[in-house]
Amino acid sequence: MSNPSPNEIPHLLVHEEADNVGVVVVEGLTAGTDMLCCITHDNSTFRLTAGADVPIGHKIALTDLKDGDTAIKYGEDIGKIIADIPKGGHVHTHNCKTKRW
């Protein structure tokens, strides 16, 4: 757990500890940002470096994800990783696809 400053707001929200992606909740996140990340299930925090410029509402990999891995958000399977994504990398339609069709 990190110790954020009292006025620091999270850059990334993670719903469950088992999730391997989190959601960007600030505008203008740029590569190299030392993000404050909050796990909403228990309000714990950790830090992660953004590996890319990522728009608000998009996902970031919390660990290295490999082609064929399952993306987990809300503790649930939200899709299949279709290209390797490094920890801190942008997760979106170019590298993660739904398994529904």
Protein backbone atom coordinates (compact mmCIF):
# COMPACT_ATOMS: atom_id res chain seq x y z
CA MET A 1 0.00 0.00 0.00
CA SER A 2 1.27 3.46 -0.87
CA ASN A 3 0.88 6.58 1.21
CA PRO A 4 -0.75 9.21 -1.01
CA SER A 5 -0.56 12.85 -0.04
CA PRO A 6 -3.79 14.12 1.57
CA ASN A 7 -4.84 16.10 -1.53
CA GLU A 8 -3.85 13.50 -4.13
CA ILE A 9 -6.68 12.01 -6.18
CA PRO A 10 -6.51 8.61 -7.88
CA HIS A 11 -5.62 8.37 -11.55
CA LEU A 12 -6.84 4.78 -11.88
CA LEU A 13 -9.65 2.80 -10.23
CA VAL A 14 -9.53 -0.97 -9.81
CA HIS A 15 -12.71 -2.67 -8.63
CA GLU A 16 -11.43 -5.97 -7.19
CA GLU A 17 -7.99 -7.12 -6.04
CA ALA A 18 -8.11 -9.97 -8.59
CA ASP A 19 -8.62 -7.55 -11.53
CA ASN A 20 -5.79 -7.26 -14.04
CA VAL A 21 -7.02 -4.00 -15.60
CA GLY A 22 -8.01 -0.66 -14.09
CA VAL A 23 -9.92 2.34 -15.46
CA VAL A 24 -8.40 5.81 -15.99
CA VAL A 25 -10.48 8.41 -14.12
CA VAL A 26 -8.60 11.63 -14.99
CA GLU A 27 -8.37 13.66 -18.20
CA GLY A 28 -5.03 13.96 -19.99
CA LEU A 29 -3.16 10.97 -18.52
CA THR A 30 0.26 10.87 -20.19
CA ALA A 31 2.93 8.19 -20.53
CA GLY A 32 5.33 8.20 -17.61
CA THR A 33 2.77 9.44 -15.05
CA ASP A 34 3.28 7.92 -11.59
CA MET A 35 -0.37 6.99 -11.04
CA LEU A 36 -2.11 6.66 -7.71
CA CYS A 37 -4.33 3.59 -8.11
CA CYS A 38 -7.21 2.75 -5.75
CA ILE A 39 -8.85 -0.66 -5.31
CA THR A 40 -12.45 0.34 -4.60
CA HIS A 41 -13.37 -2.96 -2.91
CA ASP A 42 -11.23 -2.14 0.14
CA ASN A 43 -9.95 1.41 -0.57
CA SER A 44 -6.33 0.22 -0.66
CA THR A 45 -3.89 2.02 -2.94
CA PHE A 46 -0.80 1.28 -4.98
CA ARG A 47 1.29 3.08 -7.59
CA LEU A 48 1.84 2.21 -11.26
CA THR A 49 3.57 4.05 -14.09
CA ALA A 50 1.43 4.75 -17.16
CA GLY A 51 3.13 3.25 -20.22
CA ALA A 52 1.12 5.31 -22.72
CA ASP A 53 -1.14 8.32 -23.07
CA VAL A 54 -4.54 6.89 -22.12
CA PRO A 55 -7.91 8.66 -22.39
CA ILE A 56 -10.30 8.88 -19.46
CA GLY A 57 -12.55 5.81 -19.28
CA HIS A 58 -10.05 3.52 -21.01
CA LYS A 59 -8.25 0.65 -19.26
CA ILE A 60 -4.63 0.08 -18.24
CA ALA A 61 -2.95 -3.31 -17.68
CA LEU A 62 -1.98 -3.89 -14.04
CA THR A 63 0.39 -6.72 -15.00
CA ASP A 64 2.01 -7.91 -18.22
CA LEU A 65 -0.82 -9.43 -20.27
CA LYS A 66 -0.11 -11.93 -23.05
CA ASP A 67 -2.00 -12.78 -26.23
CA GLY A 68 -4.71 -15.25 -25.17
CA ASP A 69 -4.99 -14.02 -21.56
CA THR A 70 -8.34 -13.03 -20.09
CA ALA A 71 -8.97 -9.41 -19.10
CA ILE A 72 -10.51 -9.25 -15.62
CA LYS A 73 -12.50 -6.22 -14.40
CA TYR A 74 -15.09 -6.20 -11.58
CA GLY A 75 -13.73 -9.66 -10.80
CA GLU A 76 -15.30 -10.82 -14.10
CA ASP A 77 -14.05 -11.89 -17.53
CA ILE A 78 -14.49 -8.87 -19.81
CA GLY A 79 -12.59 -10.11 -22.85
CA LYS A 80 -9.65 -11.84 -24.47
CA ILE A 81 -6.26 -10.18 -24.88
CA ILE A 82 -5.33 -10.42 -28.58
CA ALA A 83 -1.86 -8.80 -28.43
CA ASP A 84 0.76 -8.61 -25.68
CA ILE A 85 0.29 -5.60 -23.38
CA PRO A 86 3.02 -4.53 -20.95
CA LYS A 87 2.23 -3.58 -17.37
CA GLY A 88 1.00 0.03 -17.48
CA GLY A 89 -0.05 -0.30 -21.14
CA HIS A 90 -3.29 0.87 -22.77
CA VAL A 91 -5.99 -1.83 -22.96
CA HIS A 92 -8.67 -1.14 -25.59
CA THR A 93 -10.26 -2.55 -28.74
CA HIS A 94 -6.91 -2.79 -30.56
CA ASN A 95 -5.63 -5.42 -28.10
CA CYS A 96 -8.69 -6.73 -26.20
CA LYS A 97 -11.83 -8.25 -27.75
CA THR A 98 -15.11 -9.40 -26.29
CA LYS A 99 -15.71 -13.16 -26.20
CA ARG A 100 -19.40 -12.63 -26.93
CA TRP A 101 -19.01 -12.76 -30.72
